[in-house]
Amino acid sequence: MTDTTARPDLPDRLAINPRSPHYVAAIFEHDIGIRLNGKERFDVEEYCISEGWVKIAATKALDRHGQPMLIKVKGSVEAFYR
Protein backbone atom coordinates (compact mmCIF):
# COMPACT_ATOMS: atom_id res chain seq x y z
CA MET A 1 0.00 0.00 0.00
CA THR A 2 1.47 3.31 -1.04
CA ASP A 3 0.31 6.68 0.15
CA THR A 4 -0.98 8.67 -2.82
CA THR A 5 -0.98 12.02 -1.04
CA ALA A 6 2.33 13.83 -1.13
CA ARG A 7 3.67 14.85 2.25
CA PRO A 8 5.17 18.33 2.49
CA ASP A 9 8.81 18.57 3.56
CA LEU A 10 9.25 19.09 7.28
CA PRO A 11 10.52 22.61 8.00
CA ASP A 12 13.54 23.46 10.12
CA ARG A 13 11.28 25.08 12.70
CA LEU A 14 7.67 24.16 13.46
CA ALA A 15 5.13 25.04 16.18
CA ILE A 16 1.74 23.51 17.01
CA ASN A 17 0.23 26.81 18.18
CA PRO A 18 -1.81 28.37 15.32
CA ARG A 19 -0.89 31.88 16.54
CA SER A 20 2.80 31.21 15.96
CA PRO A 21 4.49 32.39 12.74
CA HIS A 22 6.09 28.92 12.53
CA TYR A 23 2.74 27.08 12.34
CA VAL A 24 2.09 25.18 9.08
CA ALA A 25 -1.39 23.62 8.92
CA ALA A 26 -0.63 21.32 5.95
CA ILE A 27 1.98 19.41 7.95
CA PHE A 28 -0.44 18.58 10.76
CA GLU A 29 -2.67 16.63 8.37
CA HIS A 30 -0.09 13.83 8.79
CA ASP A 31 1.35 12.22 11.91
CA ILE A 32 4.80 13.56 12.77
CA GLY A 33 7.24 12.48 15.42
CA ILE A 34 10.09 14.25 17.19
CA ARG A 35 13.23 12.62 18.57
CA LEU A 36 15.37 14.47 21.09
CA ASN A 37 18.74 12.84 21.81
CA GLY A 38 17.51 9.57 20.28
CA LYS A 39 14.36 9.37 22.42
CA GLU A 40 10.92 10.01 20.93
CA ARG A 41 9.00 12.82 22.63
CA PHE A 42 5.22 13.20 22.52
CA ASP A 43 4.90 16.52 24.41
CA VAL A 44 6.77 18.88 22.05
CA GLU A 45 5.10 22.25 21.39
CA GLU A 46 7.77 23.68 19.06
CA TYR A 47 11.12 22.56 17.63
CA CYS A 48 14.11 23.90 15.71
CA ILE A 49 16.43 21.37 14.10
CA SER A 50 19.27 23.74 13.13
CA GLU A 51 19.52 25.30 16.60
CA GLY A 52 19.02 21.95 18.36
CA TRP A 53 16.14 22.61 20.76
CA VAL A 54 12.52 21.73 21.49
CA LYS A 55 10.00 23.59 23.62
CA ILE A 56 7.89 21.59 26.04
CA ALA A 57 4.93 22.88 28.07
CA ALA A 58 5.51 23.27 31.81
CA THR A 59 3.01 21.27 33.85
CA LYS A 60 0.54 23.83 35.22
CA ALA A 61 2.19 27.22 34.70
CA LEU A 62 0.40 29.62 32.36
CA ASP A 63 1.52 32.93 30.90
CA ARG A 64 -0.52 36.13 31.05
CA HIS A 65 -2.46 35.13 27.91
CA GLY A 66 -3.50 31.77 29.36
CA GLN A 67 -1.08 29.78 27.21
CA PRO A 68 1.21 27.18 28.82
CA MET A 69 4.71 28.31 29.77
CA LEU A 70 7.32 26.62 27.59
CA ILE A 71 10.64 25.14 28.67
CA LYS A 72 13.46 24.96 26.10
CA VAL A 73 15.36 21.66 26.09
CA LYS A 74 18.54 21.46 23.99
CA GLY A 75 19.98 18.44 22.23
CA SER A 76 19.99 16.57 18.94
CA VAL A 77 16.57 17.07 17.28
CA GLU A 78 15.12 14.90 14.50
CA ALA A 79 11.65 15.33 12.95
CA PHE A 80 10.03 12.54 10.92
CA TYR A 81 6.72 11.30 9.54
CA ARG A 82 5.27 8.25 11.20
PDB file of N, CA and C in Angstrom:
ATOM      1  N   MET A   1       0.835  -1.181   0.000  1.00  0.00           N
ATOM      2  CA  MET A   1       0.000   0.000   0.000  1.00  0.00           C
ATOM      3  C   MET A   1       0.878   1.242   0.000  1.00  0.00           C
ATOM      4  N   THR A   2       0.711   2.070  -0.988  1.00  0.00           N
ATOM      5  CA  THR A   2       1.471   3.312  -1.043  1.00  0.00           C
ATOM      6  C   THR A   2       0.538   4.480  -0.772  1.00  0.00           C
ATOM      7  N   ASP A   3       1.071   5.488  -0.157  1.00  0.00           N
ATOM      8  CA  ASP A   3       0.307   6.685   0.152  1.00  0.00           C
ATOM      9  C   ASP A   3       0.297   7.589  -1.074  1.00  0.00           C
ATOM     10  N   THR A   4      -0.891   7.876  -1.593  1.00  0.00           N
ATOM     11  CA  THR A   4      -0.979   8.666  -2.817  1.00  0.00           C
ATOM     12  C   THR A   4      -0.865  10.162  -2.554  1.00  0.00           C
ATOM     13  N   THR A   5      -1.106  10.594  -1.331  1.00  0.00           N
ATOM     14  CA  THR A   5      -0.980  12.021  -1.035  1.00  0.00           C
ATOM     15  C   THR A   5       0.473  12.358  -0.741  1.00  0.00           C
ATOM     16  N   ALA A   6       0.950  13.422  -1.343  1.00  0.00           N
ATOM     17  CA  ALA A   6       2.335  13.828  -1.130  1.00  0.00           C
ATOM     18  C   ALA A   6       2.448  14.557   0.200  1.00  0.00           C
ATOM     19  N   ARG A   7       3.421  14.193   0.968  1.00  0.00           N
ATOM     20  CA  ARG A   7       3.665  14.851   2.246  1.00  0.00           C
ATOM     21  C   ARG A   7       4.590  16.044   2.020  1.00  0.00           C
ATOM     22  N   PRO A   8       4.265  17.180   2.621  1.00  0.00           N
ATOM     23  CA  PRO A   8       5.174  18.328   2.490  1.00  0.00           C
ATOM     24  C   PRO A   8       6.461  18.078   3.274  1.00  0.00           C
ATOM     25  N   ASP A   9       7.538  18.694   2.833  1.00  0.00           N
ATOM     26  CA  ASP A   9       8.805  18.571   3.558  1.00  0.00           C
ATOM     27  C   ASP A   9       8.663  19.191   4.935  1.00  0.00           C
ATOM     28  N   LEU A  10       9.281  18.552   5.925  1.00  0.00           N
ATOM     29  CA  LEU A  10       9.248  19.093   7.279  1.00  0.00           C
ATOM     30  C   LEU A  10      10.173  20.303   7.361  1.00  0.00           C
ATOM     31  N   PRO A  11       9.690  21.406   7.916  1.00  0.00           N
ATOM     32  CA  PRO A  11      10.522  22.608   7.997  1.00  0.00           C
ATOM     33  C   PRO A  11      11.565  22.491   9.105  1.00  0.00           C
ATOM     34  N   ASP A  12      12.520  23.407   9.089  1.00  0.00           N
ATOM     35  CA  ASP A  12      13.543  23.455  10.119  1.00  0.00           C
ATOM     36  C   ASP A  12      12.941  23.811  11.474  1.00  0.00           C
ATOM     37  N   ARG A  13      11.918  24.652  11.451  1.00  0.00           N
ATOM     38  CA  ARG A  13      11.284  25.080  12.701  1.00  0.00           C
ATOM     39  C   ARG A  13       9.767  24.971  12.544  1.00  0.00           C
ATOM     40  N   LEU A  14       9.101  24.388  13.544  1.00  0.00           N
ATOM     41  CA  LEU A  14       7.667  24.164  13.465  1.00  0.00           C
ATOM     42  C   LEU A  14       7.049  24.293  14.849  1.00  0.00           C
ATOM     43  N   ALA A  15       5.861  24.882  14.919  1.00  0.00           N
ATOM     44  CA  ALA A  15       5.130  25.042  16.179  1.00  0.00           C
ATOM     45  C   ALA A  15       3.716  24.511  16.007  1.00  0.00           C
ATOM     46  N   ILE A  16       3.104  24.018  17.094  1.00  0.00           N
ATOM     47  CA  ILE A  16       1.741  23.511  17.013  1.00  0.00           C
ATOM     48  C   ILE A  16       0.704  24.576  17.334  1.00  0.00           C
ATOM     49  N   ASN A  17       1.141  25.723  17.842  1.00  0.00           N
ATOM     50  CA  ASN A  17       0.230  26.807  18.185  1.00  0.00           C
ATOM     51  C   ASN A  17      -0.131  27.579  16.912  1.00  0.00           C
ATOM     52  N   PRO A  18      -1.428  27.658  16.550  1.00  0.00           N
ATOM     53  CA  PRO A  18      -1.814  28.365  15.318  1.00  0.00           C
ATOM     54  C   PRO A  18      -1.477  29.853  15.329  1.00  0.00           C
ATOM     55  N   ARG A  19      -1.255  30.459  16.481  1.00  0.00           N
ATOM     56  CA  ARG A  19      -0.894  31.880  16.541  1.00  0.00           C
ATOM     57  C   ARG A  19       0.582  32.120  16.266  1.00  0.00           C
ATOM     58  N   SER A  20       1.367  31.074  16.186  1.00  0.00           N
ATOM     59  CA  SER A  20       2.804  31.208  15.958  1.00  0.00           C
ATOM     60  C   SER A  20       3.095  31.437  14.473  1.00  0.00           C
ATOM     61  N   PRO A  21       4.114  32.232  14.151  1.00  0.00           N
ATOM     62  CA  PRO A  21       4.489  32.394  12.739  1.00  0.00           C
ATOM     63  C   PRO A  21       5.126  31.129  12.153  1.00  0.00           C
ATOM     64  N   HIS A  22       5.466  30.162  12.995  1.00  0.00           N
ATOM     65  CA  HIS A  22       6.089  28.918  12.533  1.00  0.00           C
ATOM     66  C   HIS A  22       5.087  27.776  12.424  1.00  0.00           C
ATOM     67  N   TYR A  23       3.799  28.078  12.464  1.00  0.00           N
ATOM     68  CA  TYR A  23       2.736  27.078  12.343  1.00  0.00           C
ATOM     69  C   TYR A  23       2.448  26.833  10.867  1.00  0.00           C
ATOM     70  N   VAL A  24       2.407  25.554  10.455  1.00  0.00           N
ATOM     71  CA  VAL A  24       2.087  25.179   9.078  1.00  0.00           C
ATOM     72  C   VAL A  24       0.982  24.125   9.142  1.00  0.00           C
ATOM     73  N   ALA A  25      -0.233  24.503   8.768  1.00  0.00           N
ATOM     74  CA  ALA A  25      -1.391  23.622   8.916  1.00  0.00           C
ATOM     75  C   ALA A  25      -1.288  22.368   8.048  1.00  0.00           C
ATOM     76  N   ALA A  26      -0.696  22.456   6.858  1.00  0.00           N
ATOM     77  CA  ALA A  26      -0.628  21.319   5.946  1.00  0.00           C
ATOM     78  C   ALA A  26       0.180  20.161   6.531  1.00  0.00           C
ATOM     79  N   ILE A  27       1.140  20.456   7.365  1.00  0.00           N
ATOM     80  CA  ILE A  27       1.975  19.407   7.947  1.00  0.00           C
ATOM     81  C   ILE A  27       1.203  18.615   8.990  1.00  0.00           C
ATOM     82  N   PHE A  28       0.289  19.253   9.697  1.00  0.00           N
ATOM     83  CA  PHE A  28      -0.439  18.578  10.757  1.00  0.00           C
ATOM     84  C   PHE A  28      -1.570  17.691  10.248  1.00  0.00           C
ATOM     85  N   GLU A  29      -1.738  17.604   8.933  1.00  0.00           N
ATOM     86  CA  GLU A  29      -2.668  16.634   8.367  1.00  0.00           C
ATOM     87  C   GLU A  29      -2.081  15.230   8.431  1.00  0.00           C
ATOM     88  N   HIS A  30      -0.796  15.119   8.682  1.00  0.00           N
ATOM     89  CA  HIS A  30      -0.087  13.835   8.785  1.00  0.00           C
ATOM     90  C   HIS A  30       0.467  13.702  10.200  1.00  0.00           C
ATOM     91  N   ASP A  31       0.738  12.462  10.600  1.00  0.00           N
ATOM     92  CA  ASP A  31       1.352  12.224  11.907  1.00  0.00           C
ATOM     93  C   ASP A  31       2.850  12.485  11.810  1.00  0.00           C
ATOM     94  N   ILE A  32       3.360  13.315  12.715  1.00  0.00           N
ATOM     95  CA  ILE A  32       4.797  13.562  12.774  1.00  0.00           C
ATOM     96  C   ILE A  32       5.317  13.165  14.141  1.00  0.00           C
ATOM     97  N   GLY A  33       6.588  12.819  14.172  1.00  0.00           N
ATOM     98  CA  GLY A  33       7.244  12.476  15.421  1.00  0.00           C
ATOM     99  C   GLY A  33       8.495  13.317  15.599  1.00  0.00           C
ATOM    100  N   ILE A  34       8.892  13.483  16.858  1.00  0.00           N
ATOM    101  CA  ILE A  34      10.087  14.254  17.191  1.00  0.00           C
ATOM    102  C   ILE A  34      10.967  13.396  18.086  1.00  0.00           C
ATOM    103  N   ARG A  35      12.246  13.303  17.724  1.00  0.00           N
ATOM    104  CA  ARG A  35      13.226  12.622  18.566  1.00  0.00           C
ATOM    105  C   ARG A  35      14.190  13.657  19.118  1.00  0.00           C
ATOM    106  N   LEU A  36      14.400  13.605  20.426  1.00  0.00           N
ATOM    107  CA  LEU A  36      15.369  14.467  21.088  1.00  0.00           C
ATOM    108  C   LEU A  36      16.388  13.563  21.745  1.00  0.00           C
ATOM    109  N   ASN A  37      17.637  13.679  21.310  1.00  0.00           N
ATOM    110  CA  ASN A  37      18.737  12.839  21.806  1.00  0.00           C
ATOM    111  C   ASN A  37      18.417  11.354  21.676  1.00  0.00           C
ATOM    112  N   GLY A  38      17.795  10.973  20.555  1.00  0.00           N
ATOM    113  CA  GLY A  38      17.508   9.573  20.281  1.00  0.00           C
ATOM    114  C   GLY A  38      16.267   9.016  20.951  1.00  0.00           C
ATOM    115  N   LYS A  39      15.555   9.819  21.722  1.00  0.00           N
ATOM    116  CA  LYS A  39      14.357   9.367  22.423  1.00  0.00           C
ATOM    117  C   LYS A  39      13.151  10.110  21.873  1.00  0.00           C
ATOM    118  N   GLU A  40      12.108   9.378  21.501  1.00  0.00           N
ATOM    119  CA  GLU A  40      10.923  10.007  20.933  1.00  0.00           C
ATOM    120  C   GLU A  40      10.131  10.741  22.015  1.00  0.00           C
ATOM    121  N   ARG A  41       9.756  11.987  21.697  1.00  0.00           N
ATOM    122  CA  ARG A  41       8.995  12.822  22.634  1.00  0.00           C
ATOM    123  C   ARG A  41       7.599  13.039  22.070  1.00  0.00           C
ATOM    124  N   PHE A  42       6.598  13.019  22.940  1.00  0.00           N
ATOM    125  CA  PHE A  42       5.220  13.202  22.525  1.00  0.00           C
ATOM    126  C   PHE A  42       4.631  14.520  23.033  1.00  0.00           C
ATOM    127  N   ASP A  43       5.405  15.302  23.781  1.00  0.00           N
ATOM    128  CA  ASP A  43       4.903  16.521  24.411  1.00  0.00           C
ATOM    129  C   ASP A  43       5.550  17.788  23.858  1.00  0.00           C
ATOM    130  N   VAL A  44       6.047  17.750  22.639  1.00  0.00           N
ATOM    131  CA  VAL A  44       6.767  18.876  22.046  1.00  0.00           C
ATOM    132  C   VAL A  44       5.773  19.901  21.495  1.00  0.00           C
ATOM    133  N   GLU A  45       5.933  21.157  21.873  1.00  0.00           N
ATOM    134  CA  GLU A  45       5.095  22.254  21.387  1.00  0.00           C
ATOM    135  C   GLU A  45       5.729  22.952  20.175  1.00  0.00           C
ATOM    136  N   GLU A  46       7.058  23.002  20.132  1.00  0.00           N
ATOM    137  CA  GLU A  46       7.775  23.682  19.061  1.00  0.00           C
ATOM    138  C   GLU A  46       9.171  23.080  18.979  1.00  0.00           C
ATOM    139  N   TYR A  47       9.746  23.056  17.761  1.00  0.00           N
ATOM    140  CA  TYR A  47      11.118  22.557  17.626  1.00  0.00           C
ATOM    141  C   TYR A  47      11.883  23.364  16.602  1.00  0.00           C
ATOM    142  N   CYS A  48      13.208  23.311  16.702  1.00  0.00           N
ATOM    143  CA  CYS A  48      14.106  23.897  15.711  1.00  0.00           C
ATOM    144  C   CYS A  48      15.272  22.931  15.539  1.00  0.00           C
ATOM    145  N   ILE A  49      15.399  22.369  14.356  1.00  0.00           N
ATOM    146  CA  ILE A  49      16.434  21.373  14.101  1.00  0.00           C
ATOM    147  C   ILE A  49      17.813  22.007  14.035  1.00  0.00           C
ATOM    148  N   SER A  50      17.948  23.141  13.323  1.00  0.00           N
ATOM    149  CA  SER A  50      19.267  23.745  13.128  1.00  0.00           C
ATOM    150  C   SER A  50      19.866  24.267  14.429  1.00  0.00           C
ATOM    151  N   GLU A  51      19.016  24.789  15.330  1.00  0.00           N
ATOM    152  CA  GLU A  51      19.519  25.300  16.604  1.00  0.00           C
ATOM    153  C   GLU A  51      19.561  24.225  17.679  1.00  0.00           C
ATOM    154  N   GLY A  52      18.933  23.082  17.446  1.00  0.00           N
ATOM    155  CA  GLY A  52      19.019  21.950  18.358  1.00  0.00           C
ATOM    156  C   GLY A  52      18.238  22.110  19.650  1.00  0.00           C
ATOM    157  N   TRP A  53      16.953  22.497  19.563  1.00  0.00           N
ATOM    158  CA  TRP A  53      16.140  22.611  20.765  1.00  0.00           C
ATOM    159  C   TRP A  53      14.686  22.258  20.470  1.00  0.00           C
ATOM    160  N   VAL A  54      13.978  21.892  21.524  1.00  0.00           N
ATOM    161  CA  VAL A  54      12.524  21.726  21.490  1.00  0.00           C
ATOM    162  C   VAL A  54      11.948  22.500  22.656  1.00  0.00           C
ATOM    163  N   LYS A  55      10.704  22.920  22.527  1.00  0.00           N
ATOM    164  CA  LYS A  55      10.004  23.587  23.623  1.00  0.00           C
ATOM    165  C   LYS A  55       8.883  22.675  24.091  1.00  0.00           C
ATOM    166  N   ILE A  56       8.840  22.497  25.409  1.00  0.00           N
ATOM    167  CA  ILE A  56       7.886  21.593  26.041  1.00  0.00           C
ATOM    168  C   ILE A  56       7.090  22.399  27.062  1.00  0.00           C
ATOM    169  N   ALA A  57       5.789  22.139  27.146  1.00  0.00           N
ATOM    170  CA  ALA A  57       4.932  22.876  28.072  1.00  0.00           C
ATOM    171  C   ALA A  57       5.254  22.489  29.512  1.00  0.00           C
ATOM    172  N   ALA A  58       5.365  23.517  30.369  1.00  0.00           N
ATOM    173  CA  ALA A  58       5.505  23.273  31.806  1.00  0.00           C
ATOM    174  C   ALA A  58       4.172  22.730  32.314  1.00  0.00           C
ATOM    175  N   THR A  59       4.190  22.008  33.415  1.00  0.00           N
ATOM    176  CA  THR A  59       3.009  21.267  33.848  1.00  0.00           C
ATOM    177  C   THR A  59       1.760  22.118  34.035  1.00  0.00           C
ATOM    178  N   LYS A  60       1.753  23.063  34.962  1.00  0.00           N
ATOM    179  CA  LYS A  60       0.541  23.831  35.218  1.00  0.00           C
ATOM    180  C   LYS A  60       0.718  25.333  35.053  1.00  0.00           C
ATOM    181  N   ALA A  61       1.920  25.784  34.787  1.00  0.00           N
ATOM    182  CA  ALA A  61       2.190  27.219  34.701  1.00  0.00           C
ATOM    183  C   ALA A  61       1.630  27.795  33.404  1.00  0.00           C
ATOM    184  N   LEU A  62       0.956  28.934  33.521  1.00  0.00           N
ATOM    185  CA  LEU A  62       0.401  29.623  32.362  1.00  0.00           C
ATOM    186  C   LEU A  62       0.971  31.031  32.282  1.00  0.00           C
ATOM    187  N   ASP A  63       1.074  31.554  31.048  1.00  0.00           N
ATOM    188  CA  ASP A  63       1.523  32.930  30.903  1.00  0.00           C
ATOM    189  C   ASP A  63       0.324  33.872  31.037  1.00  0.00           C
ATOM    190  N   ARG A  64       0.541  35.151  30.822  1.00  0.00           N
ATOM    191  CA  ARG A  64      -0.523  36.131  31.048  1.00  0.00           C
ATOM    192  C   ARG A  64      -1.645  36.052  30.022  1.00  0.00           C
ATOM    193  N   HIS A  65      -1.433  35.313  28.927  1.00  0.00           N
ATOM    194  CA  HIS A  65      -2.458  35.132  27.909  1.00  0.00           C
ATOM    195  C   HIS A  65      -3.195  33.803  28.072  1.00  0.00           C
ATOM    196  N   GLY A  66      -2.860  33.056  29.108  1.00  0.00           N
ATOM    197  CA  GLY A  66      -3.501  31.771  29.356  1.00  0.00           C
ATOM    198  C   GLY A  66      -2.892  30.602  28.605  1.00  0.00           C
ATOM    199  N   GLN A  67      -1.778  30.839  27.933  1.00  0.00           N
ATOM    200  CA  GLN A  67      -1.077  29.777  27.207  1.00  0.00           C
ATOM    201  C   GLN A  67      -0.067  29.115  28.150  1.00  0.00           C
ATOM    202  N   PRO A  68       0.240  27.836  27.938  1.00  0.00           N
ATOM    203  CA  PRO A  68       1.210  27.179  28.822  1.00  0.00           C
ATOM    204  C   PRO A  68       2.613  27.779  28.683  1.00  0.00           C
ATOM    205  N   MET A  69       3.316  27.871  29.797  1.00  0.00           N
ATOM    206  CA  MET A  69       4.711  28.315  29.774  1.00  0.00           C
ATOM    207  C   MET A  69       5.539  27.203  29.125  1.00  0.00           C
ATOM    208  N   LEU A  70       6.517  27.591  28.317  1.00  0.00           N
ATOM    209  CA  LEU A  70       7.321  26.616  27.589  1.00  0.00           C
ATOM    210  C   LEU A  70       8.740  26.578  28.138  1.00  0.00           C
ATOM    211  N   ILE A  71       9.272  25.370  28.219  1.00  0.00           N
ATOM    212  CA  ILE A  71      10.639  25.144  28.667  1.00  0.00           C
ATOM    213  C   ILE A  71      11.446  24.696  27.452  1.00  0.00           C
ATOM    214  N   LYS A  72      12.598  25.323  27.230  1.00  0.00           N
ATOM    215  CA  LYS A  72      13.457  24.958  26.103  1.00  0.00           C
ATOM    216  C   LYS A  72      14.443  23.889  26.551  1.00  0.00           C
ATOM    217  N   VAL A  73      14.449  22.772  25.809  1.00  0.00           N
ATOM    218  CA  VAL A  73      15.362  21.661  26.088  1.00  0.00           C
ATOM    219  C   VAL A  73      16.267  21.516  24.870  1.00  0.00           C
ATOM    220  N   LYS A  74      17.579  21.516  25.102  1.00  0.00           N
ATOM    221  CA  LYS A  74      18.539  21.457  23.994  1.00  0.00           C
ATOM    222  C   LYS A  74      19.065  20.041  23.805  1.00  0.00           C
ATOM    223  N   GLY A  75      19.424  19.744  22.561  1.00  0.00           N
ATOM    224  CA  GLY A  75      19.978  18.440  22.231  1.00  0.00           C
ATOM    225  C   GLY A  75      19.887  18.206  20.733  1.00  0.00           C
ATOM    226  N   SER A  76      20.071  16.966  20.339  1.00  0.00           N
ATOM    227  CA  SER A  76      19.992  16.569  18.940  1.00  0.00           C
ATOM    228  C   SER A  76      18.525  16.337  18.580  1.00  0.00           C
ATOM    229  N   VAL A  77      17.985  17.120  17.633  1.00  0.00           N
ATOM    230  CA  VAL A  77      16.568  17.068  17.278  1.00  0.00           C
ATOM    231  C   VAL A  77      16.407  16.448  15.895  1.00  0.00           C
ATOM    232  N   GLU A  78      15.437  15.537  15.778  1.00  0.00           N
ATOM    233  CA  GLU A  78      15.117  14.899  14.502  1.00  0.00           C
ATOM    234  C   GLU A  78      13.603  14.865  14.368  1.00  0.00           C
ATOM    235  N   ALA A  79      13.086  15.368  13.244  1.00  0.00           N
ATOM    236  CA  ALA A  79      11.652  15.326  12.947  1.00  0.00           C
ATOM    237  C   ALA A  79      11.418  14.315  11.832  1.00  0.00           C
ATOM    238  N   PHE A  80      10.307  13.568  11.919  1.00  0.00           N
ATOM    239  CA  PHE A  80      10.032  12.538  10.924  1.00  0.00           C
ATOM    240  C   PHE A  80       8.531  12.304  10.844  1.00  0.00           C
ATOM    241  N   TYR A  81       8.106  11.733   9.691  1.00  0.00           N
ATOM    242  CA  TYR A  81       6.720  11.305   9.537  1.00  0.00           C
ATOM    243  C   TYR A  81       6.597   9.881  10.061  1.00  0.00           C
ATOM    244  N   ARG A  82       5.504   9.602  10.702  1.00  0.00           N
ATOM    245  CA  ARG A  82       5.269   8.246  11.199  1.00  0.00           C
ATOM    246  C   ARG A  82       4.566   7.434  10.169  1.00  0.00           C
TER     247      ARG A  82
END
